[in-house]
Each structure stands twice: as structure tokens, then as C-alpha cells.
Amino acid sequence: MAWSGAPGAVDAGKTARYGVAVGRGTKKEKEAPGEKLIVRNKRATFEYQLGERYEAGMSLIGSEVKMLRAGGADLSDAWCAIHQGEAFLNGANIPELPGAAFGHVAKRPRKLLLHKEEIEDIQRAVDRDGMTVVATRMYFKEGRAKVELALAKGKKAVDKRESLKEKEADREARAAVARARRG
């Protein structure tokens, strides 16, 4: 099978030889069986130091689910707030479904389905440590829409520059290994 250039496409010979997909288009983080990734918040890992993570279900209406299945969502400004013992996802953008008779508002607050103990843990961390709760990724798990939340602390400008340096060094190392393999 020749290289097709499509994202995620891998030469069949390489897959058989190494037992895993290698080369271009491979994902850093493997999806768990039964999970379908919708969107990842890459900005969160750059802007914040991420701590403990929580998985939450979302209370959605039909047109929102339909748009998520089509792959349309944006978590770059998404965060979680707790009001009167209930968690809400704010700032998540699920575009409106074109031509829908009963559509939805794109950036409305969406109720999150968490256990009471998890909500209390999050509330304590926000109150005590001054942390914020950001959405890191949204996915379907066994047909249900889920969002992964992470307790986060803002990075300083120095930390961000350090992250960029590490990323650049890693990229250069991978390029050097690839050049050495080619000969």
C-alpha cells in the first residue's frame, strides 16, 4: 500500500513490521477503545499547568449532539464554573446546526454531569488553591458525549518560553533520528 498522504494513513509494511502504526500521522495520545475524539484544547496545555483530571458527561440537546458528531466544536475558551452545587461548562462553542428548526445557542452554558464528591473536590481546589478548571478535550465514549476537565494553574511567561524550547528541542531530536534512519 502506497503512502496516501491522508492524516492517519500509514504504510502497511511499517505497521506489520513494528506492530504499531509508525510514521507520519500517528497520534501522540492513543484513544481508548470505544472513544471517538471530537476536539482537543491544545491551548490549555500551553497556557496552564494541568493537574487532576475529571471526566464529565454533558447535558445537550439534539442539534448539539448532531454538530458534535459532525466534528464541530471549539474548547479554546472553555472553562467550568460551579453554581449552587452544580457544574457548568462555559465558553465551549458548538456551532449552530444550519437549517435546524429548533437549534441551539452556540456558546450557552452546558450542565455537566459529575458526582457530588467530584464537584466538592473541584470547588475546594478552586477556593483554596486559586486554581481554575479548563476543558482539555471532548469525546464520545460508548455513544455519550463527555468532556475531560483538568484543574489548572496559570503558567508564567517564563514557563511558556520553556515549554516552547522543550517542544523545539524534541522536534529537532525527532528530525535528527529520522535523518539518521534514512542514511
N, C-alpha and C. Protein backbone atom coordinates (compact mmCIF):
# COMPACT_ATOMS: atom_id res chain seq x y z
N MET A 1 0.84 -1.17 0.00
CA MET A 1 0.00 0.00 0.00
C MET A 1 0.89 1.23 0.00
N ALA A 2 0.68 2.13 -0.89
CA ALA A 2 1.48 3.33 -1.01
C ALA A 2 1.00 4.39 -0.03
N TRP A 3 1.90 5.33 0.25
CA TRP A 3 1.56 6.43 1.15
C TRP A 3 0.52 7.30 0.48
N SER A 4 -0.63 7.48 1.13
CA SER A 4 -1.72 8.25 0.54
C SER A 4 -1.67 9.72 0.93
N GLY A 5 -0.90 10.04 1.98
CA GLY A 5 -0.81 11.43 2.42
C GLY A 5 -1.98 11.87 3.29
N ALA A 6 -2.96 11.01 3.46
CA ALA A 6 -4.11 11.35 4.29
C ALA A 6 -3.71 11.29 5.76
N PRO A 7 -4.31 12.14 6.60
CA PRO A 7 -3.99 12.09 8.03
C PRO A 7 -4.29 10.72 8.59
N GLY A 8 -3.35 10.19 9.34
CA GLY A 8 -3.54 8.89 9.96
C GLY A 8 -3.20 7.73 9.05
N ALA A 9 -2.89 7.98 7.77
CA ALA A 9 -2.54 6.91 6.85
C ALA A 9 -1.11 6.46 7.12
N VAL A 10 -0.89 5.15 7.16
CA VAL A 10 0.43 4.60 7.45
C VAL A 10 0.69 3.47 6.48
N ASP A 11 1.94 3.36 6.07
CA ASP A 11 2.35 2.27 5.19
C ASP A 11 2.08 0.95 5.90
N ALA A 12 1.40 0.03 5.23
CA ALA A 12 1.02 -1.25 5.84
C ALA A 12 2.24 -2.05 6.23
N GLY A 13 3.33 -1.95 5.49
CA GLY A 13 4.55 -2.68 5.83
C GLY A 13 5.11 -2.26 7.17
N LYS A 14 5.11 -0.97 7.43
CA LYS A 14 5.62 -0.48 8.70
C LYS A 14 4.75 -0.94 9.85
N THR A 15 3.44 -0.97 9.64
CA THR A 15 2.54 -1.41 10.70
C THR A 15 2.79 -2.87 11.04
N ALA A 16 2.92 -3.70 10.01
CA ALA A 16 3.13 -5.13 10.23
C ALA A 16 4.48 -5.39 10.89
N ARG A 17 5.52 -4.65 10.46
CA ARG A 17 6.86 -4.87 10.95
C ARG A 17 7.00 -4.50 12.42
N TYR A 18 6.46 -3.36 12.83
CA TYR A 18 6.65 -2.88 14.19
C TYR A 18 5.49 -3.20 15.12
N GLY A 19 4.37 -3.62 14.58
CA GLY A 19 3.23 -3.97 15.41
C GLY A 19 2.35 -2.79 15.80
N VAL A 20 2.84 -1.60 15.57
CA VAL A 20 2.06 -0.39 15.84
C VAL A 20 2.23 0.55 14.67
N ALA A 21 1.32 1.49 14.56
CA ALA A 21 1.41 2.47 13.48
C ALA A 21 2.55 3.43 13.77
N VAL A 22 3.46 3.57 12.82
CA VAL A 22 4.58 4.49 12.97
C VAL A 22 4.62 5.42 11.78
N GLY A 23 5.36 6.48 11.91
CA GLY A 23 5.50 7.40 10.79
C GLY A 23 4.55 8.57 10.90
N ARG A 24 4.35 9.23 9.78
CA ARG A 24 3.51 10.43 9.75
C ARG A 24 2.07 10.13 10.12
N GLY A 25 1.44 11.10 10.76
CA GLY A 25 0.02 10.99 11.03
C GLY A 25 -0.33 10.20 12.27
N THR A 26 0.66 9.66 12.98
CA THR A 26 0.33 8.92 14.20
C THR A 26 -0.03 9.90 15.29
N LYS A 27 -0.84 9.47 16.22
CA LYS A 27 -1.28 10.34 17.30
C LYS A 27 -0.37 10.13 18.50
N LYS A 28 -0.09 11.22 19.22
CA LYS A 28 0.72 11.11 20.43
C LYS A 28 -0.04 10.31 21.49
N GLU A 29 -1.30 10.63 21.63
CA GLU A 29 -2.13 10.01 22.66
C GLU A 29 -3.13 9.08 21.99
N LYS A 30 -3.06 7.82 22.32
CA LYS A 30 -3.97 6.84 21.72
C LYS A 30 -5.35 6.98 22.35
N GLU A 31 -6.37 6.85 21.52
CA GLU A 31 -7.74 6.88 22.03
C GLU A 31 -8.05 5.53 22.65
N ALA A 32 -8.75 5.53 23.75
CA ALA A 32 -9.17 4.30 24.39
C ALA A 32 -10.23 3.63 23.52
N PRO A 33 -10.35 2.32 23.58
CA PRO A 33 -11.40 1.66 22.80
C PRO A 33 -12.78 2.19 23.20
N GLY A 34 -13.61 2.43 22.21
CA GLY A 34 -14.95 2.94 22.48
C GLY A 34 -15.00 4.46 22.58
N GLU A 35 -13.86 5.14 22.39
CA GLU A 35 -13.83 6.60 22.44
C GLU A 35 -13.59 7.17 21.05
N LYS A 36 -14.30 8.25 20.74
CA LYS A 36 -14.09 8.96 19.47
C LYS A 36 -13.84 10.42 19.82
N LEU A 37 -12.62 10.88 19.57
CA LEU A 37 -12.25 12.25 19.91
C LEU A 37 -12.98 13.24 19.02
N ILE A 38 -13.54 14.27 19.63
CA ILE A 38 -14.22 15.34 18.89
C ILE A 38 -13.26 16.51 18.73
N VAL A 39 -12.73 17.00 19.86
CA VAL A 39 -11.83 18.15 19.83
C VAL A 39 -10.92 18.11 21.06
N ARG A 40 -9.70 18.63 20.88
CA ARG A 40 -8.74 18.72 21.97
C ARG A 40 -8.39 20.20 22.15
N ASN A 41 -8.21 20.63 23.38
CA ASN A 41 -7.86 22.01 23.69
C ASN A 41 -6.34 22.09 23.86
N LYS A 42 -5.63 22.33 22.77
CA LYS A 42 -4.17 22.39 22.81
C LYS A 42 -3.68 23.63 23.55
N ARG A 43 -4.48 24.68 23.51
CA ARG A 43 -4.11 25.92 24.16
C ARG A 43 -4.02 25.75 25.67
N ALA A 44 -4.83 24.87 26.24
CA ALA A 44 -4.84 24.67 27.69
C ALA A 44 -3.50 24.16 28.19
N THR A 45 -2.87 23.23 27.46
CA THR A 45 -1.58 22.70 27.91
C THR A 45 -0.48 23.75 27.80
N PHE A 46 -0.63 24.72 26.90
CA PHE A 46 0.36 25.78 26.77
C PHE A 46 0.15 26.87 27.81
N GLU A 47 -1.08 27.22 28.08
CA GLU A 47 -1.40 28.33 28.99
C GLU A 47 -1.36 27.94 30.47
N TYR A 48 -1.60 26.65 30.78
CA TYR A 48 -1.76 26.22 32.17
C TYR A 48 -0.90 25.01 32.49
N GLN A 49 -0.61 24.86 33.79
CA GLN A 49 -0.04 23.61 34.30
C GLN A 49 -1.24 22.79 34.74
N LEU A 50 -1.44 21.66 34.08
CA LEU A 50 -2.64 20.86 34.35
C LEU A 50 -2.39 19.87 35.47
N GLY A 51 -3.38 19.74 36.33
CA GLY A 51 -3.30 18.82 37.47
C GLY A 51 -4.29 17.69 37.32
N GLU A 52 -5.05 17.46 38.38
CA GLU A 52 -6.00 16.36 38.41
C GLU A 52 -7.07 16.51 37.33
N ARG A 53 -7.46 15.38 36.74
CA ARG A 53 -8.44 15.41 35.64
C ARG A 53 -9.72 14.68 36.04
N TYR A 54 -10.82 15.15 35.47
CA TYR A 54 -12.13 14.58 35.73
C TYR A 54 -12.84 14.35 34.41
N GLU A 55 -13.62 13.28 34.34
CA GLU A 55 -14.47 13.03 33.17
C GLU A 55 -15.90 13.38 33.55
N ALA A 56 -16.54 14.20 32.70
CA ALA A 56 -17.91 14.63 32.99
C ALA A 56 -18.79 14.40 31.77
N GLY A 57 -20.02 13.97 32.01
CA GLY A 57 -21.00 13.91 30.95
C GLY A 57 -21.56 15.31 30.73
N MET A 58 -22.24 15.50 29.62
CA MET A 58 -22.81 16.82 29.32
C MET A 58 -24.29 16.68 29.02
N SER A 59 -25.06 17.64 29.48
CA SER A 59 -26.48 17.70 29.19
C SER A 59 -26.65 18.52 27.91
N LEU A 60 -26.94 17.85 26.80
CA LEU A 60 -27.03 18.50 25.49
C LEU A 60 -28.40 18.31 24.87
N ILE A 61 -28.70 19.14 23.87
CA ILE A 61 -29.92 18.94 23.09
C ILE A 61 -29.53 18.32 21.74
N GLY A 62 -30.52 17.85 21.01
CA GLY A 62 -30.29 17.08 19.80
C GLY A 62 -29.41 17.73 18.76
N SER A 63 -29.61 19.03 18.48
CA SER A 63 -28.83 19.69 17.44
C SER A 63 -27.36 19.82 17.86
N GLU A 64 -27.10 19.92 19.17
CA GLU A 64 -25.72 19.98 19.65
C GLU A 64 -25.02 18.65 19.43
N VAL A 65 -25.69 17.57 19.73
CA VAL A 65 -25.12 16.24 19.53
C VAL A 65 -24.83 16.01 18.05
N LYS A 66 -25.74 16.45 17.21
CA LYS A 66 -25.58 16.28 15.76
C LYS A 66 -24.34 17.03 15.27
N MET A 67 -24.13 18.24 15.77
CA MET A 67 -22.95 19.02 15.38
C MET A 67 -21.67 18.39 15.92
N LEU A 68 -21.72 17.83 17.12
CA LEU A 68 -20.54 17.16 17.68
C LEU A 68 -20.18 15.93 16.86
N ARG A 69 -21.19 15.19 16.41
CA ARG A 69 -20.93 14.01 15.57
C ARG A 69 -20.30 14.42 14.24
N ALA A 70 -20.66 15.61 13.76
CA ALA A 70 -20.06 16.13 12.52
C ALA A 70 -18.65 16.66 12.78
N GLY A 71 -18.26 16.75 14.05
CA GLY A 71 -16.90 17.17 14.39
C GLY A 71 -16.72 18.65 14.63
N GLY A 72 -17.79 19.38 14.85
CA GLY A 72 -17.66 20.81 15.03
C GLY A 72 -17.75 21.23 16.48
N ALA A 73 -16.65 21.72 17.05
CA ALA A 73 -16.65 22.27 18.41
C ALA A 73 -15.34 23.01 18.63
N ASP A 74 -15.34 23.89 19.61
CA ASP A 74 -14.14 24.66 19.95
C ASP A 74 -14.07 24.79 21.46
N LEU A 75 -12.96 24.33 22.05
CA LEU A 75 -12.79 24.37 23.50
C LEU A 75 -11.74 25.40 23.94
N SER A 76 -11.26 26.24 23.03
CA SER A 76 -10.14 27.13 23.37
C SER A 76 -10.48 28.09 24.51
N ASP A 77 -11.72 28.48 24.68
CA ASP A 77 -12.11 29.38 25.77
C ASP A 77 -12.97 28.69 26.82
N ALA A 78 -13.01 27.37 26.82
CA ALA A 78 -13.93 26.64 27.70
C ALA A 78 -13.37 26.50 29.11
N TRP A 79 -14.24 26.71 30.08
CA TRP A 79 -13.90 26.56 31.49
C TRP A 79 -15.14 26.12 32.26
N CYS A 80 -14.92 25.63 33.46
CA CYS A 80 -16.00 25.09 34.28
C CYS A 80 -16.24 26.00 35.48
N ALA A 81 -17.51 26.24 35.76
CA ALA A 81 -17.89 27.02 36.94
C ALA A 81 -18.89 26.21 37.76
N ILE A 82 -18.87 26.43 39.06
CA ILE A 82 -19.80 25.72 39.94
C ILE A 82 -20.72 26.73 40.58
N HIS A 83 -22.04 26.54 40.36
CA HIS A 83 -23.06 27.41 40.92
C HIS A 83 -24.07 26.56 41.66
N GLN A 84 -24.26 26.84 42.93
CA GLN A 84 -25.24 26.17 43.77
C GLN A 84 -25.11 24.64 43.70
N GLY A 85 -23.87 24.16 43.77
CA GLY A 85 -23.63 22.72 43.80
C GLY A 85 -23.74 22.01 42.47
N GLU A 86 -23.85 22.77 41.37
CA GLU A 86 -23.92 22.18 40.04
C GLU A 86 -22.79 22.74 39.18
N ALA A 87 -22.21 21.88 38.32
CA ALA A 87 -21.11 22.30 37.46
C ALA A 87 -21.64 22.65 36.07
N PHE A 88 -21.09 23.74 35.50
CA PHE A 88 -21.48 24.18 34.17
C PHE A 88 -20.24 24.42 33.33
N LEU A 89 -20.32 24.04 32.05
CA LEU A 89 -19.25 24.29 31.10
C LEU A 89 -19.58 25.59 30.37
N ASN A 90 -18.72 26.59 30.53
CA ASN A 90 -18.91 27.90 29.91
C ASN A 90 -17.87 28.11 28.81
N GLY A 91 -18.23 28.86 27.79
CA GLY A 91 -17.28 29.23 26.75
C GLY A 91 -17.04 28.19 25.68
N ALA A 92 -17.61 27.01 25.80
CA ALA A 92 -17.45 25.98 24.76
C ALA A 92 -18.34 26.36 23.58
N ASN A 93 -17.77 26.36 22.40
CA ASN A 93 -18.50 26.76 21.21
C ASN A 93 -18.88 25.53 20.38
N ILE A 94 -20.17 25.23 20.34
CA ILE A 94 -20.70 24.19 19.45
C ILE A 94 -21.53 24.95 18.42
N PRO A 95 -21.02 25.06 17.17
CA PRO A 95 -21.73 25.89 16.18
C PRO A 95 -23.17 25.46 15.98
N GLU A 96 -23.99 26.42 15.56
CA GLU A 96 -25.40 26.13 15.31
C GLU A 96 -25.54 25.24 14.09
N LEU A 97 -26.53 24.36 14.14
CA LEU A 97 -26.81 23.45 13.03
C LEU A 97 -27.55 24.24 11.95
N PRO A 98 -27.00 24.31 10.74
CA PRO A 98 -27.69 25.07 9.69
C PRO A 98 -29.01 24.41 9.30
N GLY A 99 -30.04 25.20 9.20
CA GLY A 99 -31.34 24.70 8.77
C GLY A 99 -32.13 23.97 9.83
N ALA A 100 -31.70 24.03 11.09
CA ALA A 100 -32.41 23.32 12.16
C ALA A 100 -33.62 24.14 12.59
N ALA A 101 -34.77 23.48 12.72
CA ALA A 101 -35.98 24.17 13.15
C ALA A 101 -35.88 24.60 14.61
N PHE A 102 -35.32 23.71 15.44
CA PHE A 102 -35.15 24.01 16.86
C PHE A 102 -33.67 23.91 17.17
N GLY A 103 -32.92 24.93 16.82
CA GLY A 103 -31.48 24.94 17.01
C GLY A 103 -31.09 25.24 18.44
N HIS A 104 -29.84 25.60 18.63
CA HIS A 104 -29.33 25.91 19.95
C HIS A 104 -28.46 27.16 19.88
N VAL A 105 -28.14 27.72 21.03
CA VAL A 105 -27.23 28.86 21.11
C VAL A 105 -25.81 28.30 21.16
N ALA A 106 -24.92 28.85 20.35
CA ALA A 106 -23.58 28.28 20.18
C ALA A 106 -22.76 28.26 21.47
N LYS A 107 -22.77 29.32 22.25
CA LYS A 107 -21.90 29.39 23.44
C LYS A 107 -22.68 29.40 24.75
N ARG A 108 -23.77 28.69 24.82
CA ARG A 108 -24.56 28.68 26.05
C ARG A 108 -23.86 27.84 27.13
N PRO A 109 -24.11 28.13 28.42
CA PRO A 109 -23.58 27.27 29.48
C PRO A 109 -24.25 25.90 29.42
N ARG A 110 -23.45 24.84 29.53
CA ARG A 110 -23.99 23.48 29.46
C ARG A 110 -23.75 22.79 30.80
N LYS A 111 -24.79 22.16 31.32
CA LYS A 111 -24.69 21.49 32.61
C LYS A 111 -23.80 20.26 32.47
N LEU A 112 -22.91 20.08 33.44
CA LEU A 112 -22.02 18.93 33.46
C LEU A 112 -22.53 17.91 34.47
N LEU A 113 -22.39 16.64 34.13
CA LEU A 113 -22.86 15.56 34.98
C LEU A 113 -21.66 14.96 35.71
N LEU A 114 -21.52 15.36 36.98
CA LEU A 114 -20.43 14.89 37.84
C LEU A 114 -21.02 14.37 39.14
N HIS A 115 -20.28 13.50 39.82
CA HIS A 115 -20.70 13.06 41.15
C HIS A 115 -20.53 14.21 42.13
N LYS A 116 -21.33 14.19 43.19
CA LYS A 116 -21.32 15.25 44.19
C LYS A 116 -19.93 15.41 44.80
N GLU A 117 -19.24 14.29 45.06
CA GLU A 117 -17.89 14.33 45.65
C GLU A 117 -16.91 15.01 44.70
N GLU A 118 -17.04 14.76 43.40
CA GLU A 118 -16.15 15.38 42.41
C GLU A 118 -16.38 16.89 42.37
N ILE A 119 -17.64 17.29 42.41
CA ILE A 119 -17.96 18.72 42.41
C ILE A 119 -17.38 19.39 43.66
N GLU A 120 -17.48 18.72 44.80
CA GLU A 120 -16.93 19.28 46.04
C GLU A 120 -15.41 19.37 45.98
N ASP A 121 -14.75 18.35 45.40
CA ASP A 121 -13.29 18.39 45.23
C ASP A 121 -12.87 19.56 44.36
N ILE A 122 -13.58 19.75 43.27
CA ILE A 122 -13.26 20.85 42.35
C ILE A 122 -13.48 22.19 43.05
N GLN A 123 -14.58 22.32 43.77
CA GLN A 123 -14.89 23.57 44.48
C GLN A 123 -13.81 23.89 45.51
N ARG A 124 -13.36 22.87 46.26
CA ARG A 124 -12.30 23.07 47.26
C ARG A 124 -11.00 23.55 46.60
N ALA A 125 -10.64 22.91 45.49
CA ALA A 125 -9.39 23.29 44.80
C ALA A 125 -9.45 24.71 44.27
N VAL A 126 -10.60 25.10 43.75
CA VAL A 126 -10.76 26.46 43.22
C VAL A 126 -10.72 27.47 44.36
N ASP A 127 -11.41 27.19 45.47
CA ASP A 127 -11.46 28.12 46.60
C ASP A 127 -10.12 28.20 47.34
N ARG A 128 -9.51 27.06 47.62
CA ARG A 128 -8.32 27.00 48.45
C ARG A 128 -7.06 27.40 47.67
N ASP A 129 -6.85 26.79 46.51
CA ASP A 129 -5.60 26.96 45.79
C ASP A 129 -5.66 28.00 44.68
N GLY A 130 -6.82 28.59 44.45
CA GLY A 130 -6.93 29.60 43.40
C GLY A 130 -6.76 29.01 42.01
N MET A 131 -7.11 27.76 41.85
CA MET A 131 -6.98 27.10 40.55
C MET A 131 -8.21 27.39 39.71
N THR A 132 -8.10 27.10 38.43
CA THR A 132 -9.24 27.20 37.53
C THR A 132 -9.48 25.81 36.95
N VAL A 133 -10.63 25.61 36.36
CA VAL A 133 -10.96 24.31 35.77
C VAL A 133 -11.18 24.53 34.28
N VAL A 134 -10.33 23.91 33.45
CA VAL A 134 -10.42 24.07 32.00
C VAL A 134 -10.81 22.75 31.36
N ALA A 135 -11.48 22.86 30.22
CA ALA A 135 -11.83 21.67 29.44
C ALA A 135 -10.64 21.34 28.55
N THR A 136 -10.15 20.10 28.61
CA THR A 136 -8.97 19.72 27.82
C THR A 136 -9.33 18.97 26.56
N ARG A 137 -10.40 18.19 26.59
CA ARG A 137 -10.84 17.50 25.38
C ARG A 137 -12.30 17.10 25.50
N MET A 138 -12.93 16.91 24.33
CA MET A 138 -14.33 16.49 24.26
C MET A 138 -14.35 15.26 23.36
N TYR A 139 -15.12 14.25 23.75
CA TYR A 139 -15.14 13.00 23.01
C TYR A 139 -16.44 12.25 23.25
N PHE A 140 -16.67 11.25 22.40
CA PHE A 140 -17.79 10.34 22.61
C PHE A 140 -17.24 9.08 23.23
N LYS A 141 -17.88 8.61 24.29
CA LYS A 141 -17.50 7.36 24.94
C LYS A 141 -18.74 6.49 24.99
N GLU A 142 -18.70 5.41 24.23
CA GLU A 142 -19.83 4.50 24.12
C GLU A 142 -21.10 5.25 23.73
N GLY A 143 -20.96 6.20 22.81
CA GLY A 143 -22.10 6.93 22.27
C GLY A 143 -22.55 8.13 23.09
N ARG A 144 -21.90 8.38 24.23
CA ARG A 144 -22.28 9.50 25.08
C ARG A 144 -21.21 10.60 25.01
N ALA A 145 -21.65 11.84 24.92
CA ALA A 145 -20.73 12.98 24.85
C ALA A 145 -20.12 13.21 26.22
N LYS A 146 -18.80 13.28 26.27
CA LYS A 146 -18.07 13.51 27.52
C LYS A 146 -17.09 14.66 27.31
N VAL A 147 -16.72 15.29 28.41
CA VAL A 147 -15.70 16.33 28.39
C VAL A 147 -14.72 16.01 29.52
N GLU A 148 -13.42 16.18 29.22
CA GLU A 148 -12.40 15.98 30.24
C GLU A 148 -12.03 17.34 30.81
N LEU A 149 -12.14 17.46 32.12
CA LEU A 149 -11.82 18.70 32.81
C LEU A 149 -10.51 18.50 33.56
N ALA A 150 -9.73 19.56 33.68
CA ALA A 150 -8.48 19.49 34.44
C ALA A 150 -8.37 20.70 35.35
N LEU A 151 -7.93 20.44 36.58
CA LEU A 151 -7.61 21.55 37.48
C LEU A 151 -6.33 22.18 36.95
N ALA A 152 -6.30 23.50 36.84
CA ALA A 152 -5.17 24.15 36.18
C ALA A 152 -4.72 25.38 36.94
N LYS A 153 -3.42 25.62 36.84
CA LYS A 153 -2.83 26.82 37.41
C LYS A 153 -2.11 27.53 36.27
N GLY A 154 -2.32 28.84 36.15
CA GLY A 154 -1.74 29.61 35.05
C GLY A 154 -0.22 29.57 35.04
N LYS A 155 0.37 29.46 33.85
CA LYS A 155 1.83 29.49 33.71
C LYS A 155 2.30 30.93 33.61
N LYS A 156 3.50 31.16 34.07
CA LYS A 156 4.14 32.46 33.90
C LYS A 156 4.74 32.51 32.50
N ALA A 157 5.09 33.70 32.02
CA ALA A 157 5.67 33.86 30.68
C ALA A 157 6.95 33.04 30.53
N VAL A 158 7.75 32.94 31.60
CA VAL A 158 8.99 32.17 31.56
C VAL A 158 8.69 30.69 31.31
N ASP A 159 7.65 30.17 31.98
CA ASP A 159 7.27 28.78 31.81
C ASP A 159 6.82 28.50 30.38
N LYS A 160 6.12 29.46 29.78
CA LYS A 160 5.65 29.29 28.40
C LYS A 160 6.83 29.24 27.44
N ARG A 161 7.82 30.11 27.67
CA ARG A 161 9.01 30.09 26.81
C ARG A 161 9.75 28.76 26.97
N GLU A 162 9.80 28.27 28.21
CA GLU A 162 10.45 26.99 28.48
C GLU A 162 9.74 25.85 27.74
N SER A 163 8.40 25.88 27.75
CA SER A 163 7.62 24.87 27.04
C SER A 163 7.93 24.90 25.55
N LEU A 164 8.02 26.11 24.98
CA LEU A 164 8.35 26.23 23.56
C LEU A 164 9.74 25.69 23.25
N LYS A 165 10.72 25.95 24.14
CA LYS A 165 12.07 25.44 23.94
C LYS A 165 12.10 23.92 23.98
N GLU A 166 11.37 23.33 24.94
CA GLU A 166 11.30 21.87 25.04
C GLU A 166 10.67 21.26 23.79
N LYS A 167 9.60 21.89 23.33
CA LYS A 167 8.91 21.40 22.13
C LYS A 167 9.83 21.46 20.92
N GLU A 168 10.57 22.57 20.78
CA GLU A 168 11.50 22.74 19.65
C GLU A 168 12.64 21.72 19.72
N ALA A 169 13.19 21.50 20.92
CA ALA A 169 14.27 20.52 21.09
C ALA A 169 13.79 19.12 20.74
N ASP A 170 12.58 18.78 21.16
CA ASP A 170 12.00 17.47 20.85
C ASP A 170 11.81 17.30 19.35
N ARG A 171 11.33 18.36 18.70
CA ARG A 171 11.12 18.32 17.25
C ARG A 171 12.46 18.12 16.52
N GLU A 172 13.50 18.83 16.96
CA GLU A 172 14.81 18.69 16.34
C GLU A 172 15.38 17.30 16.55
N ALA A 173 15.18 16.73 17.73
CA ALA A 173 15.67 15.38 18.01
C ALA A 173 14.98 14.36 17.12
N ARG A 174 13.66 14.49 16.95
CA ARG A 174 12.94 13.57 16.06
C ARG A 174 13.43 13.70 14.62
N ALA A 175 13.71 14.93 14.19
CA ALA A 175 14.20 15.15 12.83
C ALA A 175 15.58 14.52 12.65
N ALA A 176 16.45 14.63 13.68
CA ALA A 176 17.79 14.04 13.60
C ALA A 176 17.70 12.52 13.53
N VAL A 177 16.83 11.92 14.30
CA VAL A 177 16.64 10.47 14.26
C VAL A 177 16.13 10.03 12.88
N ALA A 178 15.21 10.79 12.32
CA ALA A 178 14.67 10.46 11.00
C ALA A 178 15.76 10.57 9.93
N ARG A 179 16.62 11.61 10.03
CA ARG A 179 17.73 11.76 9.06
C ARG A 179 18.70 10.60 9.19
N ALA A 180 19.00 10.18 10.43
CA ALA A 180 19.93 9.08 10.65
C ALA A 180 19.37 7.77 10.10
N ARG A 181 18.08 7.56 10.23
CA ARG A 181 17.45 6.34 9.70
C ARG A 181 17.55 6.27 8.18
N ARG A 182 17.36 7.43 7.56
CA ARG A 182 17.39 7.47 6.09
C ARG A 182 18.79 7.22 5.56
N GLY A 183 19.79 7.52 6.37
CA GLY A 183 21.15 7.22 5.92
C GLY A 183 21.97 8.34 5.56
